[in-house]
Amino acid sequence: MELMPVRRIWVGLAALALILTACSSGPDPSGPADHRPIPATNAASAPLLPVDAAELPSFDLASFQQLLTQLKGTPVLVNVWASWCGPCTEEAPRLAQAAKTYGDRVQFIGIDILDARGSAREFMSTYGWTYPSLYDATGGIRDGLGIIGQPGTIFYDGDGAQVAQWSGALPEDELMKRLKQIVA
């Protein structure tokens, strides 16, 4: 027996709804609750910048952008890195020294990508980083910022405008030149 046209439409819509539901559900790609990115909707109510450099909280691109908004008024250096990255180990001591030299005049922020938190914390300790890093398990912040590979560094002035971007290990002279530029 053939279904009536109206009934066929309803059956088709029900099937489509089931397919869409099945395609949109599934495991949460952000992992367990303690590894989920901080939602951007909560970012406006509380400061997002970690106080403890070793905290390494999970962030997504929206949360990171909210953090940059909160830091407006302060020059910012953002460095994308990973503990397994050879060029990152090359520039790590320079970043540690520059952060100590510039103190409160520049907010240094690391973005640890595609890494394990334990390895990342060990890396930060080994190189004496006193500034916070954010944990980006998928590399989404890096990709959203338009950085290809790692390390990558972006410099923002006090107005929040991107002044410069560097791909690869940052040489000492370039690091100091750009820091002077964003502090001026």
Protein backbone atom coordinates (compact mmCIF):
# COMPACT_ATOMS: atom_id res chain seq x y z
CA MET A 1 0.00 0.00 0.00
CA GLU A 2 1.38 3.39 -0.99
CA LEU A 3 1.62 6.18 1.59
CA MET A 4 -0.39 9.30 1.01
CA PRO A 5 1.70 12.37 -0.08
CA VAL A 6 1.25 14.23 3.24
CA ARG A 7 2.19 11.16 5.22
CA ARG A 8 5.31 10.68 3.04
CA ILE A 9 6.37 14.23 3.84
CA TRP A 10 5.99 13.62 7.59
CA VAL A 11 7.91 10.36 7.40
CA GLY A 12 10.65 12.11 5.41
CA LEU A 13 10.85 14.97 7.92
CA ALA A 14 11.03 12.55 10.83
CA ALA A 15 13.84 10.64 9.11
CA LEU A 16 15.69 13.90 8.41
CA ALA A 17 15.34 14.96 12.06
CA LEU A 18 16.80 11.64 13.21
CA ILE A 19 19.73 11.97 10.81
CA LEU A 20 20.46 15.54 11.89
CA THR A 21 20.28 14.57 15.55
CA ALA A 22 22.64 11.65 15.01
CA CYS A 23 25.13 13.84 13.12
CA SER A 24 25.14 16.60 15.69
CA SER A 25 25.53 14.45 18.78
CA GLY A 26 28.42 12.32 19.85
CA PRO A 27 31.37 12.48 22.17
CA ASP A 28 32.44 15.88 23.40
CA PRO A 29 35.65 16.66 21.47
CA SER A 30 36.95 18.82 24.30
CA GLY A 31 37.36 15.79 26.54
CA PRO A 32 36.60 15.42 30.24
CA ALA A 33 35.21 18.36 32.19
CA ASP A 34 38.58 19.41 33.61
CA HIS A 35 39.98 19.76 30.08
CA ARG A 36 37.10 21.72 28.58
CA PRO A 37 37.87 25.21 27.33
CA ILE A 38 36.69 28.07 29.47
CA PRO A 39 33.44 29.26 27.88
CA ALA A 40 33.57 32.79 26.49
CA THR A 41 30.21 33.62 28.09
CA ASN A 42 31.77 33.41 31.57
CA ALA A 43 34.85 35.37 30.53
CA ALA A 44 33.33 38.83 30.92
CA SER A 45 32.46 38.35 34.58
CA ALA A 46 35.84 37.28 35.95
CA PRO A 47 39.48 37.87 34.99
CA LEU A 48 40.68 35.11 32.70
CA LEU A 49 44.43 35.58 33.08
CA PRO A 50 45.79 32.75 35.23
CA VAL A 51 47.50 33.96 38.40
CA ASP A 52 49.64 30.83 38.74
CA ALA A 53 52.02 30.39 35.81
CA ALA A 54 51.83 26.59 36.14
CA GLU A 55 48.02 26.45 36.13
CA LEU A 56 47.82 25.87 32.34
CA PRO A 57 44.02 26.19 31.99
CA SER A 58 42.26 25.04 28.83
CA PHE A 59 41.18 27.83 26.52
CA ASP A 60 39.48 28.02 23.16
CA LEU A 61 39.76 30.83 20.58
CA ALA A 62 36.72 32.74 21.89
CA SER A 63 38.02 32.65 25.47
CA PHE A 64 41.46 33.73 24.33
CA GLN A 65 40.01 36.68 22.42
CA GLN A 66 38.05 37.67 25.53
CA LEU A 67 41.29 37.53 27.53
CA LEU A 68 42.95 39.88 25.03
CA THR A 69 40.02 42.26 25.46
CA GLN A 70 40.49 42.15 29.25
CA LEU A 71 44.18 42.97 28.80
CA LYS A 72 43.52 46.08 26.74
CA GLY A 73 45.68 48.88 28.11
CA THR A 74 48.69 46.57 28.50
CA PRO A 75 51.09 45.56 25.72
CA VAL A 76 50.94 41.79 25.18
CA LEU A 77 53.33 39.21 23.73
CA VAL A 78 51.62 35.93 22.77
CA ASN A 79 53.87 32.95 22.09
CA VAL A 80 52.53 29.68 20.66
CA TRP A 81 54.71 26.76 21.70
CA ALA A 82 54.89 23.06 22.55
CA SER A 83 57.25 21.06 24.76
CA TRP A 84 58.12 18.72 21.86
CA CYS A 85 59.03 21.61 19.52
CA GLY A 86 62.78 22.00 18.89
CA PRO A 87 62.68 25.68 17.87
CA CYS A 88 60.53 26.37 20.95
CA THR A 89 63.35 25.14 23.20
CA GLU A 90 65.74 27.41 21.30
CA GLU A 91 63.73 30.57 22.04
CA ALA A 92 62.45 29.62 25.52
CA PRO A 93 65.40 31.09 27.49
CA ARG A 94 65.13 34.37 25.55
CA LEU A 95 61.43 34.64 26.36
CA ALA A 96 62.07 33.92 30.05
CA GLN A 97 64.72 36.64 30.24
CA ALA A 98 62.61 39.16 28.32
CA ALA A 99 59.64 38.53 30.63
CA LYS A 100 61.86 39.24 33.64
CA THR A 101 63.31 42.35 32.00
CA TYR A 102 59.96 43.84 31.01
CA GLY A 103 58.11 42.82 34.18
CA ASP A 104 54.73 44.57 34.46
CA ARG A 105 55.23 46.65 31.30
CA VAL A 106 54.35 43.72 28.98
CA GLN A 107 52.03 40.78 29.64
CA PHE A 108 53.62 37.61 28.28
CA ILE A 109 51.20 34.77 27.51
CA GLY A 110 52.13 31.34 26.23
CA ILE A 111 49.78 29.09 24.31
CA ASP A 112 50.77 25.45 24.65
CA ILE A 113 49.39 23.44 21.74
CA LEU A 114 48.97 19.77 20.91
CA ASP A 115 50.82 18.80 24.06
CA ALA A 116 50.47 16.94 27.36
CA ARG A 117 50.06 19.14 30.42
CA GLY A 118 52.75 17.33 32.39
CA SER A 119 55.32 17.79 29.62
CA ALA A 120 54.26 21.41 29.21
CA ARG A 121 54.64 22.19 32.92
CA GLU A 122 58.05 20.54 32.96
CA PHE A 123 59.10 22.65 29.94
CA MET A 124 57.92 25.86 31.65
CA SER A 125 59.80 24.95 34.81
CA THR A 126 62.98 23.98 32.95
CA TYR A 127 63.15 27.36 31.21
CA GLY A 128 62.06 29.40 34.22
CA TRP A 129 58.91 30.86 32.74
CA THR A 130 57.18 33.05 35.28
CA TYR A 131 54.33 34.09 32.99
CA PRO A 132 51.15 32.10 32.37
CA SER A 133 50.49 29.77 29.49
CA LEU A 134 47.13 28.55 28.25
CA TYR A 135 46.44 24.98 27.17
CA ASP A 136 45.14 24.53 23.62
CA ALA A 137 44.90 20.77 23.11
CA THR A 138 43.73 21.03 19.49
CA GLY A 139 45.74 23.99 18.18
CA GLY A 140 42.50 25.93 17.59
CA ILE A 141 43.83 29.20 19.01
CA ARG A 142 46.97 28.97 16.89
CA ASP A 143 44.91 28.27 13.79
CA GLY A 144 42.43 31.03 14.61
CA LEU A 145 45.26 33.52 14.96
CA GLY A 146 46.58 32.56 11.53
CA ILE A 147 49.86 31.13 12.84
CA ILE A 148 51.28 28.25 10.87
CA GLY A 149 53.40 25.85 12.88
CA GLN A 150 55.18 26.67 16.10
CA PRO A 151 56.67 28.60 17.60
CA GLY A 152 54.85 31.70 16.57
CA THR A 153 54.75 35.05 18.34
CA ILE A 154 52.33 37.94 18.09
CA PHE A 155 52.90 41.39 19.58
CA TYR A 156 49.95 43.61 20.61
CA ASP A 157 50.24 47.23 21.67
CA GLY A 158 48.40 48.71 24.65
CA ASP A 159 45.38 49.51 22.47
CA GLY A 160 45.03 45.82 21.60
CA ALA A 161 46.20 46.26 18.00
CA GLN A 162 48.43 43.59 16.52
CA VAL A 163 51.75 45.26 15.77
CA ALA A 164 53.86 42.33 14.56
CA GLN A 165 53.89 38.58 14.06
CA TRP A 166 56.87 36.23 13.85
CA SER A 167 56.95 32.59 12.69
CA GLY A 168 59.69 30.34 13.96
CA ALA A 169 62.17 30.79 16.79
CA LEU A 170 62.37 34.47 17.65
CA PRO A 171 65.93 35.86 17.47
CA GLU A 172 67.07 38.01 20.41
CA ASP A 173 67.37 41.20 18.36
CA GLU A 174 63.89 40.82 16.84
CA LEU A 175 62.38 40.05 20.25
CA MET A 176 63.87 43.19 21.80
CA LYS A 177 62.99 45.35 18.80
CA ARG A 178 59.33 44.29 18.91
CA LEU A 179 59.05 44.60 22.69
CA LYS A 180 60.39 48.17 22.52
CA GLN A 181 57.88 48.86 19.77
CA ILE A 182 54.84 47.77 21.80
CA VAL A 183 55.99 49.49 24.99
CA ALA A 184 56.67 52.84 23.26
